[in-house]
Amino acid sequence: MRHLGAEKVMSPEEETQASVTSRTSEGVSNETPVSSCTHL
């Protein structure tokens, strides 16, 4: 979980989205969720 720091900055709603993104990109790449969070 690299987006641990961003998790604190994000709101509960966005935190949930991050978790979903993490699962989706589980078989893709660890940098994908980080980019998504930054994009949001």
PDB file of N, CA and C in Angstrom:
ATOM      1  N   MET A   1       0.849  -1.197   0.000  1.00  0.00           N
ATOM      2  CA  MET A   1       0.000   0.000   0.000  1.00  0.00           C
ATOM      3  C   MET A   1       0.889   1.254   0.000  1.00  0.00           C
ATOM      4  N   ARG A   2       1.104   1.786  -1.161  1.00  0.00           N
ATOM      5  CA  ARG A   2       1.964   2.961  -1.269  1.00  0.00           C
ATOM      6  C   ARG A   2       1.187   4.239  -0.990  1.00  0.00           C
ATOM      7  N   HIS A   3      -0.111   4.239  -1.296  1.00  0.00           N
ATOM      8  CA  HIS A   3      -0.915   5.442  -1.121  1.00  0.00           C
ATOM      9  C   HIS A   3      -1.346   5.623   0.337  1.00  0.00           C
ATOM     10  N   LEU A   4      -0.557   5.096   1.265  1.00  0.00           N
ATOM     11  CA  LEU A   4      -0.916   5.199   2.682  1.00  0.00           C
ATOM     12  C   LEU A   4      -0.941   6.669   3.104  1.00  0.00           C
ATOM     13  N   GLY A   5       0.055   7.434   2.640  1.00  0.00           N
ATOM     14  CA  GLY A   5       0.112   8.852   2.997  1.00  0.00           C
ATOM     15  C   GLY A   5      -1.056   9.607   2.395  1.00  0.00           C
ATOM     16  N   ALA A   6      -1.360   9.327   1.139  1.00  0.00           N
ATOM     17  CA  ALA A   6      -2.470  10.017   0.473  1.00  0.00           C
ATOM     18  C   ALA A   6      -3.788   9.627   1.116  1.00  0.00           C
ATOM     19  N   GLU A   7      -3.820   8.434   1.674  1.00  0.00           N
ATOM     20  CA  GLU A   7      -5.055   7.955   2.293  1.00  0.00           C
ATOM     21  C   GLU A   7      -5.501   8.913   3.404  1.00  0.00           C
ATOM     22  N   LYS A   8      -4.541   9.423   4.152  1.00  0.00           N
ATOM     23  CA  LYS A   8      -4.891  10.326   5.252  1.00  0.00           C
ATOM     24  C   LYS A   8      -5.461  11.632   4.710  1.00  0.00           C
ATOM     25  N   VAL A   9      -4.926  12.087   3.582  1.00  0.00           N
ATOM     26  CA  VAL A   9      -5.377  13.355   3.001  1.00  0.00           C
ATOM     27  C   VAL A   9      -6.754  13.197   2.370  1.00  0.00           C
ATOM     28  N   MET A  10      -7.009  12.028   1.805  1.00  0.00           N
ATOM     29  CA  MET A  10      -8.287  11.810   1.121  1.00  0.00           C
ATOM     30  C   MET A  10      -9.436  11.678   2.122  1.00  0.00           C
ATOM     31  N   SER A  11     -10.628  11.962   1.637  1.00  0.00           N
ATOM     32  CA  SER A  11     -11.814  11.860   2.492  1.00  0.00           C
ATOM     33  C   SER A  11     -12.266  10.412   2.564  1.00  0.00           C
ATOM     34  N   PRO A  12     -13.156  10.095   3.490  1.00  0.00           N
ATOM     35  CA  PRO A  12     -13.661   8.714   3.625  1.00  0.00           C
ATOM     36  C   PRO A  12     -14.185   8.188   2.299  1.00  0.00           C
ATOM     37  N   GLU A  13     -14.889   9.029   1.557  1.00  0.00           N
ATOM     38  CA  GLU A  13     -15.438   8.583   0.271  1.00  0.00           C
ATOM     39  C   GLU A  13     -14.305   8.246  -0.690  1.00  0.00           C
ATOM     40  N   GLU A  14     -13.327   9.147  -0.778  1.00  0.00           N
ATOM     41  CA  GLU A  14     -12.205   8.906  -1.690  1.00  0.00           C
ATOM     42  C   GLU A  14     -11.382   7.718  -1.199  1.00  0.00           C
ATOM     43  N   GLU A  15     -11.325   7.565   0.107  1.00  0.00           N
ATOM     44  CA  GLU A  15     -10.576   6.434   0.672  1.00  0.00           C
ATOM     45  C   GLU A  15     -11.165   5.124   0.164  1.00  0.00           C
ATOM     46  N   THR A  16     -12.505   5.078   0.112  1.00  0.00           N
ATOM     47  CA  THR A  16     -13.169   3.872  -0.391  1.00  0.00           C
ATOM     48  C   THR A  16     -12.816   3.664  -1.855  1.00  0.00           C
ATOM     49  N   GLN A  17     -12.818   4.743  -2.618  1.00  0.00           N
ATOM     50  CA  GLN A  17     -12.476   4.638  -4.036  1.00  0.00           C
ATOM     51  C   GLN A  17     -11.062   4.110  -4.181  1.00  0.00           C
ATOM     52  N   ALA A  18     -10.164   4.571  -3.333  1.00  0.00           N
ATOM     53  CA  ALA A  18      -8.777   4.121  -3.400  1.00  0.00           C
ATOM     54  C   ALA A  18      -8.698   2.616  -3.153  1.00  0.00           C
ATOM     55  N   SER A  19      -9.491   2.153  -2.184  1.00  0.00           N
ATOM     56  CA  SER A  19      -9.487   0.714  -1.889  1.00  0.00           C
ATOM     57  C   SER A  19      -9.969  -0.074  -3.096  1.00  0.00           C
ATOM     58  N   VAL A  20     -11.018   0.418  -3.741  1.00  0.00           N
ATOM     59  CA  VAL A  20     -11.555  -0.266  -4.920  1.00  0.00           C
ATOM     60  C   VAL A  20     -10.513  -0.248  -6.031  1.00  0.00           C
ATOM     61  N   THR A  21      -9.868   0.915  -6.208  1.00  0.00           N
ATOM     62  CA  THR A  21      -8.845   1.028  -7.253  1.00  0.00           C
ATOM     63  C   THR A  21      -7.698   0.069  -6.956  1.00  0.00           C
ATOM     64  N   SER A  22      -7.352  -0.037  -5.680  1.00  0.00           N
ATOM     65  CA  SER A  22      -6.258  -0.937  -5.295  1.00  0.00           C
ATOM     66  C   SER A  22      -6.594  -2.362  -5.712  1.00  0.00           C
ATOM     67  N   ARG A  23      -7.812  -2.775  -5.452  1.00  0.00           N
ATOM     68  CA  ARG A  23      -8.206  -4.141  -5.804  1.00  0.00           C
ATOM     69  C   ARG A  23      -8.186  -4.326  -7.318  1.00  0.00           C
ATOM     70  N   THR A  24      -8.683  -3.330  -8.035  1.00  0.00           N
ATOM     71  CA  THR A  24      -8.745  -3.437  -9.496  1.00  0.00           C
ATOM     72  C   THR A  24      -7.341  -3.533 -10.075  1.00  0.00           C
ATOM     73  N   SER A  25      -6.442  -2.702  -9.573  1.00  0.00           N
ATOM     74  CA  SER A  25      -5.083  -2.693 -10.114  1.00  0.00           C
ATOM     75  C   SER A  25      -4.197  -3.714  -9.402  1.00  0.00           C
ATOM     76  N   GLU A  26      -4.823  -4.573  -8.624  1.00  0.00           N
ATOM     77  CA  GLU A  26      -4.048  -5.574  -7.880  1.00  0.00           C
ATOM     78  C   GLU A  26      -3.176  -6.376  -8.835  1.00  0.00           C
ATOM     79  N   GLY A  27      -3.756  -6.742  -9.988  1.00  0.00           N
ATOM     80  CA  GLY A  27      -2.990  -7.532 -10.951  1.00  0.00           C
ATOM     81  C   GLY A  27      -2.384  -6.666 -12.038  1.00  0.00           C
ATOM     82  N   VAL A  28      -2.436  -5.356 -11.856  1.00  0.00           N
ATOM     83  CA  VAL A  28      -1.868  -4.463 -12.871  1.00  0.00           C
ATOM     84  C   VAL A  28      -0.526  -3.921 -12.390  1.00  0.00           C
ATOM     85  N   SER A  29      -0.581  -2.928 -11.510  1.00  0.00           N
ATOM     86  CA  SER A  29       0.661  -2.333 -11.023  1.00  0.00           C
ATOM     87  C   SER A  29       0.383  -1.555  -9.744  1.00  0.00           C
ATOM     88  N   ASN A  30       1.387  -1.424  -8.900  1.00  0.00           N
ATOM     89  CA  ASN A  30       1.195  -0.692  -7.644  1.00  0.00           C
ATOM     90  C   ASN A  30       1.167   0.818  -7.881  1.00  0.00           C
ATOM     91  N   GLU A  31       1.705   1.249  -9.005  1.00  0.00           N
ATOM     92  CA  GLU A  31       1.747   2.690  -9.272  1.00  0.00           C
ATOM     93  C   GLU A  31       0.418   3.186  -9.837  1.00  0.00           C
ATOM     94  N   THR A  32      -0.429   2.269 -10.271  1.00  0.00           N
ATOM     95  CA  THR A  32      -1.706   2.683 -10.859  1.00  0.00           C
ATOM     96  C   THR A  32      -2.579   3.402  -9.835  1.00  0.00           C
ATOM     97  N   PRO A  33      -2.796   2.832  -8.638  1.00  0.00           N
ATOM     98  CA  PRO A  33      -3.633   3.507  -7.644  1.00  0.00           C
ATOM     99  C   PRO A  33      -3.060   4.854  -7.250  1.00  0.00           C
ATOM    100  N   VAL A  34      -1.738   4.943  -7.171  1.00  0.00           N
ATOM    101  CA  VAL A  34      -1.103   6.209  -6.783  1.00  0.00           C
ATOM    102  C   VAL A  34      -1.425   7.273  -7.826  1.00  0.00           C
ATOM    103  N   SER A  35      -1.309   6.918  -9.102  1.00  0.00           N
ATOM    104  CA  SER A  35      -1.593   7.884 -10.167  1.00  0.00           C
ATOM    105  C   SER A  35      -3.059   8.295 -10.109  1.00  0.00           C
ATOM    106  N   SER A  36      -3.929   7.339  -9.853  1.00  0.00           N
ATOM    107  CA  SER A  36      -5.364   7.649  -9.795  1.00  0.00           C
ATOM    108  C   SER A  36      -5.634   8.641  -8.668  1.00  0.00           C
ATOM    109  N   CYS A  37      -5.032   8.414  -7.529  1.00  0.00           N
ATOM    110  CA  CYS A  37      -5.256   9.308  -6.394  1.00  0.00           C
ATOM    111  C   CYS A  37      -4.762  10.716  -6.733  1.00  0.00           C
ATOM    112  N   THR A  38      -3.601  10.786  -7.377  1.00  0.00           N
ATOM    113  CA  THR A  38      -3.046  12.092  -7.731  1.00  0.00           C
ATOM    114  C   THR A  38      -3.945  12.762  -8.755  1.00  0.00           C
ATOM    115  N   HIS A  39      -4.498  11.970  -9.654  1.00  0.00           N
ATOM    116  CA  HIS A  39      -5.358  12.536 -10.694  1.00  0.00           C
ATOM    117  C   HIS A  39      -6.625  13.117 -10.075  1.00  0.00           C
ATOM    118  N   LEU A  40      -7.147  12.434  -9.053  1.00  0.00           N
ATOM    119  CA  LEU A  40      -8.363  12.914  -8.399  1.00  0.00           C
ATOM    120  C   LEU A  40      -8.065  14.243  -7.731  1.00  0.00           C
TER     121      LEU A  40
END
